[in-house]
Amino acid sequence: MAVAIRLRRTGAKKRPFYRIVVTDNRTRQGGKYIESLGYYNPITPEQLEMDVDKAVDWLNRGARPSETVRSLLVKTGAIQKWRGVDEETAEAAE
């Protein structure tokens, strides 16, 4: 079973609110999901909350994030943690 990490849209018309979910990639966009990792609210002020440890665990299991979720994973530091790059080394590289 191929697993994807993607956004699931909720919220009202013109007021989007997204849940970051792990799902089978064959299910439809608003369908059932395996686990919720957090949420993303793009409306001002931008809010992003994600369980980084769960995200890293799913990445280790082979889940493939969508493009948007990948950028959110970078913002939260989950990609760096998954690759084994600690924050001090990343700051020194910059």
PDB file of N, CA and C in Angstrom:
ATOM      1  N   MET A   1       0.845  -1.173   0.000  1.00  0.00           N
ATOM      2  CA  MET A   1       0.000   0.000   0.000  1.00  0.00           C
ATOM      3  C   MET A   1       0.895   1.243   0.000  1.00  0.00           C
ATOM      4  N   ALA A   2       0.676   2.121  -0.965  1.00  0.00           N
ATOM      5  CA  ALA A   2       1.427   3.373  -1.033  1.00  0.00           C
ATOM      6  C   ALA A   2       0.741   4.409  -0.149  1.00  0.00           C
ATOM      7  N   VAL A   3       1.529   5.044   0.694  1.00  0.00           N
ATOM      8  CA  VAL A   3       0.990   5.994   1.663  1.00  0.00           C
ATOM      9  C   VAL A   3       1.488   7.390   1.324  1.00  0.00           C
ATOM     10  N   ALA A   4       0.593   8.369   1.458  1.00  0.00           N
ATOM     11  CA  ALA A   4       0.935   9.760   1.165  1.00  0.00           C
ATOM     12  C   ALA A   4       0.606  10.636   2.367  1.00  0.00           C
ATOM     13  N   ILE A   5       1.383  11.689   2.531  1.00  0.00           N
ATOM     14  CA  ILE A   5       1.076  12.723   3.521  1.00  0.00           C
ATOM     15  C   ILE A   5       0.594  13.917   2.712  1.00  0.00           C
ATOM     16  N   ARG A   6      -0.643  14.330   2.935  1.00  0.00           N
ATOM     17  CA  ARG A   6      -1.193  15.420   2.152  1.00  0.00           C
ATOM     18  C   ARG A   6      -2.167  16.255   2.961  1.00  0.00           C
ATOM     19  N   LEU A   7      -2.638  17.336   2.346  1.00  0.00           N
ATOM     20  CA  LEU A   7      -3.571  18.234   3.009  1.00  0.00           C
ATOM     21  C   LEU A   7      -5.007  17.787   2.747  1.00  0.00           C
ATOM     22  N   ARG A   8      -5.846  17.942   3.745  1.00  0.00           N
ATOM     23  CA  ARG A   8      -7.273  17.644   3.625  1.00  0.00           C
ATOM     24  C   ARG A   8      -8.006  18.936   3.945  1.00  0.00           C
ATOM     25  N   ARG A   9      -8.699  19.482   2.961  1.00  0.00           N
ATOM     26  CA  ARG A   9      -9.336  20.790   3.138  1.00  0.00           C
ATOM     27  C   ARG A   9     -10.631  20.682   3.929  1.00  0.00           C
ATOM     28  N   THR A  10     -10.748  21.576   4.895  1.00  0.00           N
ATOM     29  CA  THR A  10     -11.996  21.765   5.626  1.00  0.00           C
ATOM     30  C   THR A  10     -12.226  23.270   5.671  1.00  0.00           C
ATOM     31  N   GLY A  11     -13.195  23.723   6.398  1.00  0.00           N
ATOM     32  CA  GLY A  11     -13.430  25.153   6.496  1.00  0.00           C
ATOM     33  C   GLY A  11     -14.520  25.608   5.553  1.00  0.00           C
ATOM     34  N   ALA A  12     -14.850  26.876   5.647  1.00  0.00           N
ATOM     35  CA  ALA A  12     -15.936  27.445   4.865  1.00  0.00           C
ATOM     36  C   ALA A  12     -15.448  27.915   3.496  1.00  0.00           C
ATOM     37  N   LYS A  13     -16.387  28.351   2.694  1.00  0.00           N
ATOM     38  CA  LYS A  13     -16.080  28.882   1.381  1.00  0.00           C
ATOM     39  C   LYS A  13     -15.210  30.130   1.530  1.00  0.00           C
ATOM     40  N   LYS A  14     -14.104  30.162   0.796  1.00  0.00           N
ATOM     41  CA  LYS A  14     -13.125  31.250   0.818  1.00  0.00           C
ATOM     42  C   LYS A  14     -12.453  31.434   2.184  1.00  0.00           C
ATOM     43  N   ARG A  15     -12.571  30.472   3.069  1.00  0.00           N
ATOM     44  CA  ARG A  15     -11.896  30.480   4.372  1.00  0.00           C
ATOM     45  C   ARG A  15     -11.277  29.095   4.590  1.00  0.00           C
ATOM     46  N   PRO A  16     -10.230  28.768   3.835  1.00  0.00           N
ATOM     47  CA  PRO A  16      -9.690  27.410   3.911  1.00  0.00           C
ATOM     48  C   PRO A  16      -9.012  27.112   5.238  1.00  0.00           C
ATOM     49  N   PHE A  17      -9.106  25.859   5.634  1.00  0.00           N
ATOM     50  CA  PHE A  17      -8.425  25.328   6.805  1.00  0.00           C
ATOM     51  C   PHE A  17      -8.037  23.908   6.422  1.00  0.00           C
ATOM     52  N   TYR A  18      -6.801  23.535   6.639  1.00  0.00           N
ATOM     53  CA  TYR A  18      -6.311  22.238   6.184  1.00  0.00           C
ATOM     54  C   TYR A  18      -5.849  21.389   7.353  1.00  0.00           C
ATOM     55  N   ARG A  19      -6.133  20.107   7.269  1.00  0.00           N
ATOM     56  CA  ARG A  19      -5.575  19.135   8.194  1.00  0.00           C
ATOM     57  C   ARG A  19      -4.473  18.388   7.438  1.00  0.00           C
ATOM     58  N   ILE A  20      -3.374  18.144   8.100  1.00  0.00           N
ATOM     59  CA  ILE A  20      -2.268  17.392   7.512  1.00  0.00           C
ATOM     60  C   ILE A  20      -2.487  15.939   7.900  1.00  0.00           C
ATOM     61  N   VAL A  21      -2.740  15.081   6.909  1.00  0.00           N
ATOM     62  CA  VAL A  21      -3.130  13.702   7.187  1.00  0.00           C
ATOM     63  C   VAL A  21      -2.255  12.714   6.423  1.00  0.00           C
ATOM     64  N   VAL A  22      -2.200  11.506   6.953  1.00  0.00           N
ATOM     65  CA  VAL A  22      -1.550  10.381   6.299  1.00  0.00           C
ATOM     66  C   VAL A  22      -2.661   9.523   5.739  1.00  0.00           C
ATOM     67  N   THR A  23      -2.588   9.230   4.445  1.00  0.00           N
ATOM     68  CA  THR A  23      -3.661   8.492   3.792  1.00  0.00           C
ATOM     69  C   THR A  23      -3.109   7.568   2.716  1.00  0.00           C
ATOM     70  N   ASP A  24      -3.915   6.586   2.337  1.00  0.00           N
ATOM     71  CA  ASP A  24      -3.591   5.753   1.195  1.00  0.00           C
ATOM     72  C   ASP A  24      -3.731   6.629  -0.043  1.00  0.00           C
ATOM     73  N   ASN A  25      -2.774   6.590  -0.951  1.00  0.00           N
ATOM     74  CA  ASN A  25      -2.811   7.534  -2.071  1.00  0.00           C
ATOM     75  C   ASN A  25      -3.916   7.229  -3.073  1.00  0.00           C
ATOM     76  N   ARG A  26      -4.624   6.116  -2.923  1.00  0.00           N
ATOM     77  CA  ARG A  26      -5.724   5.797  -3.825  1.00  0.00           C
ATOM     78  C   ARG A  26      -7.050   6.391  -3.368  1.00  0.00           C
ATOM     79  N   THR A  27      -7.120   6.874  -2.127  1.00  0.00           N
ATOM     80  CA  THR A  27      -8.373   7.444  -1.651  1.00  0.00           C
ATOM     81  C   THR A  27      -8.545   8.859  -2.199  1.00  0.00           C
ATOM     82  N   ARG A  28      -9.799   9.310  -2.227  1.00  0.00           N
ATOM     83  CA  ARG A  28     -10.069  10.647  -2.749  1.00  0.00           C
ATOM     84  C   ARG A  28      -9.579  11.699  -1.754  1.00  0.00           C
ATOM     85  N   GLN A  29      -9.507  12.937  -2.195  1.00  0.00           N
ATOM     86  CA  GLN A  29      -8.918  14.009  -1.400  1.00  0.00           C
ATOM     87  C   GLN A  29      -9.588  14.206  -0.049  1.00  0.00           C
ATOM     88  N   GLY A  30     -10.898  14.152   0.022  1.00  0.00           N
ATOM     89  CA  GLY A  30     -11.587  14.380   1.283  1.00  0.00           C
ATOM     90  C   GLY A  30     -11.982  13.095   1.981  1.00  0.00           C
ATOM     91  N   GLY A  31     -11.430  11.968   1.550  1.00  0.00           N
ATOM     92  CA  GLY A  31     -11.841  10.669   2.066  1.00  0.00           C
ATOM     93  C   GLY A  31     -11.220  10.303   3.396  1.00  0.00           C
ATOM     94  N   LYS A  32     -11.336   9.016   3.713  1.00  0.00           N
ATOM     95  CA  LYS A  32     -10.819   8.514   4.978  1.00  0.00           C
ATOM     96  C   LYS A  32      -9.298   8.670   5.034  1.00  0.00           C
ATOM     97  N   TYR A  33      -8.796   8.796   6.244  1.00  0.00           N
ATOM     98  CA  TYR A  33      -7.354   8.905   6.411  1.00  0.00           C
ATOM     99  C   TYR A  33      -6.905   7.993   7.543  1.00  0.00           C
ATOM    100  N   ILE A  34      -5.604   7.694   7.560  1.00  0.00           N
ATOM    101  CA  ILE A  34      -5.034   6.784   8.546  1.00  0.00           C
ATOM    102  C   ILE A  34      -4.773   7.517   9.856  1.00  0.00           C
ATOM    103  N   GLU A  35      -4.122   8.689   9.762  1.00  0.00           N
ATOM    104  CA  GLU A  35      -3.759   9.438  10.969  1.00  0.00           C
ATOM    105  C   GLU A  35      -3.638  10.921  10.640  1.00  0.00           C
ATOM    106  N   SER A  36      -4.006  11.749  11.593  1.00  0.00           N
ATOM    107  CA  SER A  36      -3.872  13.191  11.452  1.00  0.00           C
ATOM    108  C   SER A  36      -2.575  13.631  12.139  1.00  0.00           C
ATOM    109  N   LEU A  37      -1.784  14.444  11.439  1.00  0.00           N
ATOM    110  CA  LEU A  37      -0.506  14.894  11.974  1.00  0.00           C
ATOM    111  C   LEU A  37      -0.553  16.328  12.501  1.00  0.00           C
ATOM    112  N   GLY A  38      -1.549  17.092  12.110  1.00  0.00           N
ATOM    113  CA  GLY A  38      -1.642  18.472  12.556  1.00  0.00           C
ATOM    114  C   GLY A  38      -2.575  19.260  11.675  1.00  0.00           C
ATOM    115  N   TYR A  39      -2.421  20.589  11.704  1.00  0.00           N
ATOM    116  CA  TYR A  39      -3.272  21.446  10.888  1.00  0.00           C
ATOM    117  C   TYR A  39      -2.482  22.630  10.357  1.00  0.00           C
ATOM    118  N   TYR A  40      -3.056  23.256   9.312  1.00  0.00           N
ATOM    119  CA  TYR A  40      -2.447  24.429   8.682  1.00  0.00           C
ATOM    120  C   TYR A  40      -3.559  25.401   8.333  1.00  0.00           C
ATOM    121  N   ASN A  41      -3.442  26.625   8.825  1.00  0.00           N
ATOM    122  CA  ASN A  41      -4.402  27.674   8.539  1.00  0.00           C
ATOM    123  C   ASN A  41      -3.677  28.779   7.777  1.00  0.00           C
ATOM    124  N   PRO A  42      -3.892  28.911   6.457  1.00  0.00           N
ATOM    125  CA  PRO A  42      -3.155  29.900   5.671  1.00  0.00           C
ATOM    126  C   PRO A  42      -3.672  31.328   5.816  1.00  0.00           C
ATOM    127  N   ILE A  43      -4.833  31.507   6.435  1.00  0.00           N
ATOM    128  CA  ILE A  43      -5.406  32.840   6.609  1.00  0.00           C
ATOM    129  C   ILE A  43      -4.619  33.565   7.700  1.00  0.00           C
ATOM    130  N   THR A  44      -4.502  34.865   7.575  1.00  0.00           N
ATOM    131  CA  THR A  44      -3.705  35.653   8.512  1.00  0.00           C
ATOM    132  C   THR A  44      -4.266  35.625   9.910  1.00  0.00           C
ATOM    133  N   PRO A  45      -3.478  35.526  10.943  1.00  0.00           N
ATOM    134  CA  PRO A  45      -2.058  35.150  10.912  1.00  0.00           C
ATOM    135  C   PRO A  45      -1.915  33.655  10.619  1.00  0.00           C
ATOM    136  N   GLU A  46      -0.921  33.335   9.844  1.00  0.00           N
ATOM    137  CA  GLU A  46      -0.713  31.950   9.424  1.00  0.00           C
ATOM    138  C   GLU A  46      -0.416  31.067  10.631  1.00  0.00           C
ATOM    139  N   GLN A  47      -1.126  29.955  10.729  1.00  0.00           N
ATOM    140  CA  GLN A  47      -0.937  29.013  11.833  1.00  0.00           C
ATOM    141  C   GLN A  47      -0.538  27.659  11.266  1.00  0.00           C
ATOM    142  N   LEU A  48       0.438  27.057  11.899  1.00  0.00           N
ATOM    143  CA  LEU A  48       0.891  25.727  11.497  1.00  0.00           C
ATOM    144  C   LEU A  48       1.253  24.960  12.756  1.00  0.00           C
ATOM    145  N   GLU A  49       0.608  23.839  12.949  1.00  0.00           N
ATOM    146  CA  GLU A  49       0.943  22.978  14.074  1.00  0.00           C
ATOM    147  C   GLU A  49       1.016  21.549  13.556  1.00  0.00           C
ATOM    148  N   MET A  50       2.136  20.886  13.875  1.00  0.00           N
ATOM    149  CA  MET A  50       2.338  19.533  13.387  1.00  0.00           C
ATOM    150  C   MET A  50       3.101  18.733  14.424  1.00  0.00           C
ATOM    151  N   ASP A  51       2.743  17.465  14.569  1.00  0.00           N
ATOM    152  CA  ASP A  51       3.481  16.557  15.437  1.00  0.00           C
ATOM    153  C   ASP A  51       4.689  16.056  14.637  1.00  0.00           C
ATOM    154  N   VAL A  52       5.836  16.651  14.893  1.00  0.00           N
ATOM    155  CA  VAL A  52       7.047  16.376  14.114  1.00  0.00           C
ATOM    156  C   VAL A  52       7.491  14.924  14.273  1.00  0.00           C
ATOM    157  N   ASP A  53       7.392  14.379  15.487  1.00  0.00           N
ATOM    158  CA  ASP A  53       7.832  12.998  15.709  1.00  0.00           C
ATOM    159  C   ASP A  53       6.991  12.008  14.909  1.00  0.00           C
ATOM    160  N   LYS A  54       5.679  12.226  14.857  1.00  0.00           N
ATOM    161  CA  LYS A  54       4.811  11.359  14.053  1.00  0.00           C
ATOM    162  C   LYS A  54       5.139  11.497  12.573  1.00  0.00           C
ATOM    163  N   ALA A  55       5.406  12.720  12.117  1.00  0.00           N
ATOM    164  CA  ALA A  55       5.734  12.941  10.708  1.00  0.00           C
ATOM    165  C   ALA A  55       7.026  12.220  10.335  1.00  0.00           C
ATOM    166  N   VAL A  56       8.038  12.307  11.192  1.00  0.00           N
ATOM    167  CA  VAL A  56       9.308  11.630  10.930  1.00  0.00           C
ATOM    168  C   VAL A  56       9.101  10.115  10.919  1.00  0.00           C
ATOM    169  N   ASP A  57       8.267   9.617  11.821  1.00  0.00           N
ATOM    170  CA  ASP A  57       7.970   8.192  11.859  1.00  0.00           C
ATOM    171  C   ASP A  57       7.327   7.730  10.546  1.00  0.00           C
ATOM    172  N   TRP A  58       6.381   8.507  10.027  1.00  0.00           N
ATOM    173  CA  TRP A  58       5.740   8.134   8.763  1.00  0.00           C
ATOM    174  C   TRP A  58       6.700   8.260   7.587  1.00  0.00           C
ATOM    175  N   LEU A  59       7.587   9.232   7.603  1.00  0.00           N
ATOM    176  CA  LEU A  59       8.581   9.347   6.541  1.00  0.00           C
ATOM    177  C   LEU A  59       9.532   8.149   6.558  1.00  0.00           C
ATOM    178  N   ASN A  60       9.880   7.690   7.760  1.00  0.00           N
ATOM    179  CA  ASN A  60      10.728   6.496   7.874  1.00  0.00           C
ATOM    180  C   ASN A  60      10.021   5.254   7.353  1.00  0.00           C
ATOM    181  N   ARG A  61       8.704   5.209   7.465  1.00  0.00           N
ATOM    182  CA  ARG A  61       7.931   4.072   6.956  1.00  0.00           C
ATOM    183  C   ARG A  61       7.729   4.125   5.450  1.00  0.00           C
ATOM    184  N   GLY A  62       8.102   5.240   4.804  1.00  0.00           N
ATOM    185  CA  GLY A  62       8.007   5.327   3.350  1.00  0.00           C
ATOM    186  C   GLY A  62       6.891   6.199   2.832  1.00  0.00           C
ATOM    187  N   ALA A  63       6.242   6.970   3.686  1.00  0.00           N
ATOM    188  CA  ALA A  63       5.181   7.863   3.223  1.00  0.00           C
ATOM    189  C   ALA A  63       5.791   8.975   2.378  1.00  0.00           C
ATOM    190  N   ARG A  64       5.104   9.350   1.303  1.00  0.00           N
ATOM    191  CA  ARG A  64       5.607  10.378   0.402  1.00  0.00           C
ATOM    192  C   ARG A  64       4.766  11.637   0.548  1.00  0.00           C
ATOM    193  N   PRO A  65       5.359  12.750   0.946  1.00  0.00           N
ATOM    194  CA  PRO A  65       4.595  13.990   1.108  1.00  0.00           C
ATOM    195  C   PRO A  65       4.312  14.668  -0.231  1.00  0.00           C
ATOM    196  N   SER A  66       3.192  15.399  -0.287  1.00  0.00           N
ATOM    197  CA  SER A  66       2.897  16.212  -1.460  1.00  0.00           C
ATOM    198  C   SER A  66       3.846  17.407  -1.456  1.00  0.00           C
ATOM    199  N   GLU A  67       3.850  18.176  -2.539  1.00  0.00           N
ATOM    200  CA  GLU A  67       4.753  19.327  -2.639  1.00  0.00           C
ATOM    201  C   GLU A  67       4.487  20.341  -1.530  1.00  0.00           C
ATOM    202  N   THR A  68       3.208  20.650  -1.288  1.00  0.00           N
ATOM    203  CA  THR A  68       2.876  21.639  -0.269  1.00  0.00           C
ATOM    204  C   THR A  68       3.232  21.135   1.121  1.00  0.00           C
ATOM    205  N   VAL A  69       2.937  19.877   1.384  1.00  0.00           N
ATOM    206  CA  VAL A  69       3.251  19.315   2.693  1.00  0.00           C
ATOM    207  C   VAL A  69       4.759  19.256   2.890  1.00  0.00           C
ATOM    208  N   ARG A  70       5.502  18.996   1.830  1.00  0.00           N
ATOM    209  CA  ARG A  70       6.962  18.987   1.941  1.00  0.00           C
ATOM    210  C   ARG A  70       7.473  20.353   2.400  1.00  0.00           C
ATOM    211  N   SER A  71       6.919  21.432   1.855  1.00  0.00           N
ATOM    212  CA  SER A  71       7.362  22.769   2.276  1.00  0.00           C
ATOM    213  C   SER A  71       6.968  23.037   3.729  1.00  0.00           C
ATOM    214  N   LEU A  72       5.825  22.519   4.169  1.00  0.00           N
ATOM    215  CA  LEU A  72       5.425  22.668   5.565  1.00  0.00           C
ATOM    216  C   LEU A  72       6.324  21.848   6.488  1.00  0.00           C
ATOM    217  N   LEU A  73       6.748  20.673   6.016  1.00  0.00           N
ATOM    218  CA  LEU A  73       7.671  19.848   6.798  1.00  0.00           C
ATOM    219  C   LEU A  73       9.025  20.549   6.962  1.00  0.00           C
ATOM    220  N   VAL A  74       9.444  21.273   5.939  1.00  0.00           N
ATOM    221  CA  VAL A  74      10.697  22.028   6.032  1.00  0.00           C
ATOM    222  C   VAL A  74      10.549  23.150   7.058  1.00  0.00           C
ATOM    223  N   LYS A  75       9.394  23.843   7.049  1.00  0.00           N
ATOM    224  CA  LYS A  75       9.164  24.932   8.004  1.00  0.00           C
ATOM    225  C   LYS A  75       9.201  24.446   9.446  1.00  0.00           C
ATOM    226  N   THR A  76       8.649  23.256   9.698  1.00  0.00           N
ATOM    227  CA  THR A  76       8.609  22.741  11.066  1.00  0.00           C
ATOM    228  C   THR A  76       9.904  22.047  11.469  1.00  0.00           C
ATOM    229  N   GLY A  77      10.774  21.767  10.519  1.00  0.00           N
ATOM    230  CA  GLY A  77      12.041  21.114  10.825  1.00  0.00           C
ATOM    231  C   GLY A  77      11.975  19.596  10.788  1.00  0.00           C
ATOM    232  N   ALA A  78      10.877  19.039  10.322  1.00  0.00           N
ATOM    233  CA  ALA A  78      10.721  17.587  10.285  1.00  0.00           C
ATOM    234  C   ALA A  78      11.632  16.942   9.244  1.00  0.00           C
ATOM    235  N   ILE A  79      11.823  17.604   8.108  1.00  0.00           N
ATOM    236  CA  ILE A  79      12.699  17.050   7.062  1.00  0.00           C
ATOM    237  C   ILE A  79      14.134  16.976   7.568  1.00  0.00           C
ATOM    238  N   GLN A  80      14.587  18.030   8.251  1.00  0.00           N
ATOM    239  CA  GLN A  80      15.951  18.028   8.774  1.00  0.00           C
ATOM    240  C   GLN A  80      16.113  16.931   9.826  1.00  0.00           C
ATOM    241  N   LYS A  81      15.115  16.767  10.669  1.00  0.00           N
ATOM    242  CA  LYS A  81      15.183  15.720  11.690  1.00  0.00           C
ATOM    243  C   LYS A  81      15.180  14.340  11.046  1.00  0.00           C
ATOM    244  N   TRP A  82      14.397  14.173   9.984  1.00  0.00           N
ATOM    245  CA  TRP A  82      14.318  12.896   9.279  1.00  0.00           C
ATOM    246  C   TRP A  82      15.649  12.556   8.617  1.00  0.00           C
ATOM    247  N   ARG A  83      16.314  13.567   8.064  1.00  0.00           N
ATOM    248  CA  ARG A  83      17.604  13.345   7.415  1.00  0.00           C
ATOM    249  C   ARG A  83      18.753  13.223   8.406  1.00  0.00           C
ATOM    250  N   GLY A  84      18.489  13.532   9.689  1.00  0.00           N
ATOM    251  CA  GLY A  84      19.517  13.411  10.702  1.00  0.00           C
ATOM    252  C   GLY A  84      20.379  14.643  10.855  1.00  0.00           C
ATOM    253  N   VAL A  85      19.933  15.758  10.322  1.00  0.00           N
ATOM    254  CA  VAL A  85      20.676  17.009  10.446  1.00  0.00           C
ATOM    255  C   VAL A  85      20.157  17.723  11.685  1.00  0.00           C
ATOM    256  N   ASP A  86      21.038  17.954  12.644  1.00  0.00           N
ATOM    257  CA  ASP A  86      20.587  18.665  13.836  1.00  0.00           C
ATOM    258  C   ASP A  86      20.597  20.171  13.568  1.00  0.00           C
ATOM    259  N   GLU A  87      19.920  20.931  14.404  1.00  0.00           N
ATOM    260  CA  GLU A  87      19.724  22.354  14.179  1.00  0.00           C
ATOM    261  C   GLU A  87      21.032  23.145  14.243  1.00  0.00           C
ATOM    262  N   GLU A  88      21.957  22.748  15.105  1.00  0.00           N
ATOM    263  CA  GLU A  88      23.220  23.471  15.231  1.00  0.00           C
ATOM    264  C   GLU A  88      24.052  23.367  13.954  1.00  0.00           C
ATOM    265  N   THR A  89      24.073  22.201  13.344  1.00  0.00           N
ATOM    266  CA  THR A  89      24.819  22.005  12.113  1.00  0.00           C
ATOM    267  C   THR A  89      24.186  22.799  10.974  1.00  0.00           C
ATOM    268  N   ALA A  90      22.855  22.834  10.935  1.00  0.00           N
ATOM    269  CA  ALA A  90      22.149  23.592   9.885  1.00  0.00           C
ATOM    270  C   ALA A  90      22.417  25.080  10.016  1.00  0.00           C
ATOM    271  N   GLU A  91      22.460  25.605  11.229  1.00  0.00           N
ATOM    272  CA  GLU A  91      22.735  27.021  11.437  1.00  0.00           C
ATOM    273  C   GLU A  91      24.180  27.346  11.078  1.00  0.00           C
ATOM    274  N   ALA A  92      25.093  26.441  11.364  1.00  0.00           N
ATOM    275  CA  ALA A  92      26.503  26.676  11.049  1.00  0.00           C
ATOM    276  C   ALA A  92      26.729  26.664   9.531  1.00  0.00           C
ATOM    277  N   ALA A  93      25.950  25.872   8.817  1.00  0.00           N
ATOM    278  CA  ALA A  93      26.085  25.802   7.360  1.00  0.00           C
ATOM    279  C   ALA A  93      25.620  27.070   6.689  1.00  0.00           C
ATOM    280  N   GLU A  94      24.667  27.753   7.314  1.00  0.00           N
ATOM    281  CA  GLU A  94      24.160  28.997   6.723  1.00  0.00           C
ATOM    282  C   GLU A  94      25.147  30.075   6.946  1.00  0.00           C
TER     283      GLU A  94
END
